[in-house]
Amino acid sequence: MSPGAWEVERVRRNRVLLATITPPDYKISMPWANAVRELQQPEGSDFLKVSGLPFGPARNQAVRTCLDGGYGYLFFLDADTIPPRDILM
């Protein structure tokens, strides 16, 4: 049975774009990398890795990608924060 219009709209509305902005030195910790790998994501969500830009323009790029992609939420995850597995849910 295929999803109805309400189910499709709910998935679209709840999609998360998780933007990780790599520090200028490209260094991240193993605990951070492991935490990102273990994140639970709402259906249809995606990761966006932005690197090689200063933080302001990198965040602006993530916002543009989120708006253009029709995501319901944008979540920034910095390399100095270890998130719980269910933070996106």
Protein backbone atom coordinates (compact mmCIF):
# COMPACT_ATOMS: atom_id res chain seq x y z
CA MET A 1 0.00 0.00 0.00
CA SER A 2 1.48 3.34 -1.03
CA PRO A 3 1.41 6.36 1.30
CA GLY A 4 -1.42 8.85 1.00
CA ALA A 5 -1.11 12.60 0.60
CA TRP A 6 -1.12 13.23 4.36
CA GLU A 7 1.73 10.79 4.96
CA VAL A 8 3.80 12.23 2.11
CA GLU A 9 3.27 15.77 3.42
CA ARG A 10 4.21 14.73 6.97
CA VAL A 11 7.50 13.21 5.77
CA ARG A 12 8.29 16.29 3.66
CA ARG A 13 7.54 18.65 6.55
CA ASN A 14 9.69 16.69 9.02
CA ARG A 15 12.81 16.25 6.87
CA VAL A 16 15.97 17.58 8.51
CA LEU A 17 19.08 18.88 6.79
CA LEU A 18 21.94 18.26 9.19
CA ALA A 19 24.74 20.69 8.34
CA THR A 20 28.21 20.01 9.67
CA ILE A 21 30.71 22.79 9.13
CA THR A 22 34.26 21.56 9.22
CA PRO A 23 36.72 23.68 11.23
CA PRO A 24 39.43 25.43 9.19
CA ASP A 25 42.02 22.90 10.38
CA TYR A 26 39.72 19.98 9.34
CA LYS A 27 40.22 18.35 12.75
CA ILE A 28 37.37 16.56 14.49
CA SER A 29 37.43 14.24 17.48
CA MET A 30 36.68 10.52 17.38
CA PRO A 31 33.85 10.91 19.94
CA TRP A 32 32.25 13.52 17.66
CA ALA A 33 32.64 11.34 14.56
CA ASN A 34 31.13 8.36 16.39
CA ALA A 35 28.22 10.44 17.69
CA VAL A 36 27.40 11.72 14.20
CA ARG A 37 27.49 8.20 12.81
CA GLU A 38 25.00 7.04 15.47
CA LEU A 39 22.41 9.82 14.98
CA GLN A 40 18.82 8.76 14.45
CA GLN A 41 17.28 10.72 11.58
CA PRO A 42 13.70 11.41 10.54
CA GLU A 43 12.76 9.78 7.25
CA GLY A 44 14.03 11.70 4.22
CA SER A 45 16.69 13.62 6.13
CA ASP A 46 20.14 14.34 4.74
CA PHE A 47 23.64 15.37 5.77
CA LEU A 48 25.43 18.37 4.31
CA LYS A 49 29.17 18.75 4.93
CA VAL A 50 30.45 22.26 4.27
CA SER A 51 34.19 22.87 4.30
CA GLY A 52 36.70 25.33 2.94
CA LEU A 53 34.67 28.43 3.80
CA PRO A 54 34.65 30.82 6.76
CA PHE A 55 31.89 29.95 9.22
CA GLY A 56 29.47 32.72 8.18
CA PRO A 57 29.42 31.91 4.45
CA ALA A 58 29.36 28.19 5.26
CA ARG A 59 26.22 28.63 7.36
CA ASN A 60 24.66 30.77 4.63
CA GLN A 61 25.34 27.99 2.12
CA ALA A 62 23.60 25.49 4.41
CA VAL A 63 20.57 27.79 4.78
CA ARG A 64 20.31 28.16 0.99
CA THR A 65 20.56 24.37 0.52
CA CYS A 66 17.84 23.85 3.13
CA LEU A 67 15.47 26.37 1.57
CA ASP A 68 16.09 25.16 -1.98
CA GLY A 69 15.63 21.52 -0.92
CA GLY A 70 12.30 22.04 0.83
CA TYR A 71 13.48 20.71 4.19
CA GLY A 72 11.33 21.33 7.23
CA TYR A 73 14.30 21.92 9.54
CA LEU A 74 17.96 22.89 9.44
CA PHE A 75 20.19 21.61 12.22
CA PHE A 76 23.75 22.89 12.62
CA LEU A 77 26.14 20.55 14.39
CA ASP A 78 29.49 22.03 15.33
CA ALA A 79 32.58 19.91 15.81
CA ASP A 80 32.83 20.84 19.51
CA THR A 81 29.41 19.40 20.44
CA ILE A 82 28.70 15.73 21.10
CA PRO A 83 24.97 15.26 20.44
CA PRO A 84 22.69 12.60 21.92
CA ARG A 85 21.52 9.96 19.39
CA ASP A 86 17.92 11.21 19.31
CA ILE A 87 18.56 14.97 19.01
CA LEU A 88 17.13 15.15 15.48
CA MET A 89 13.98 13.25 16.37
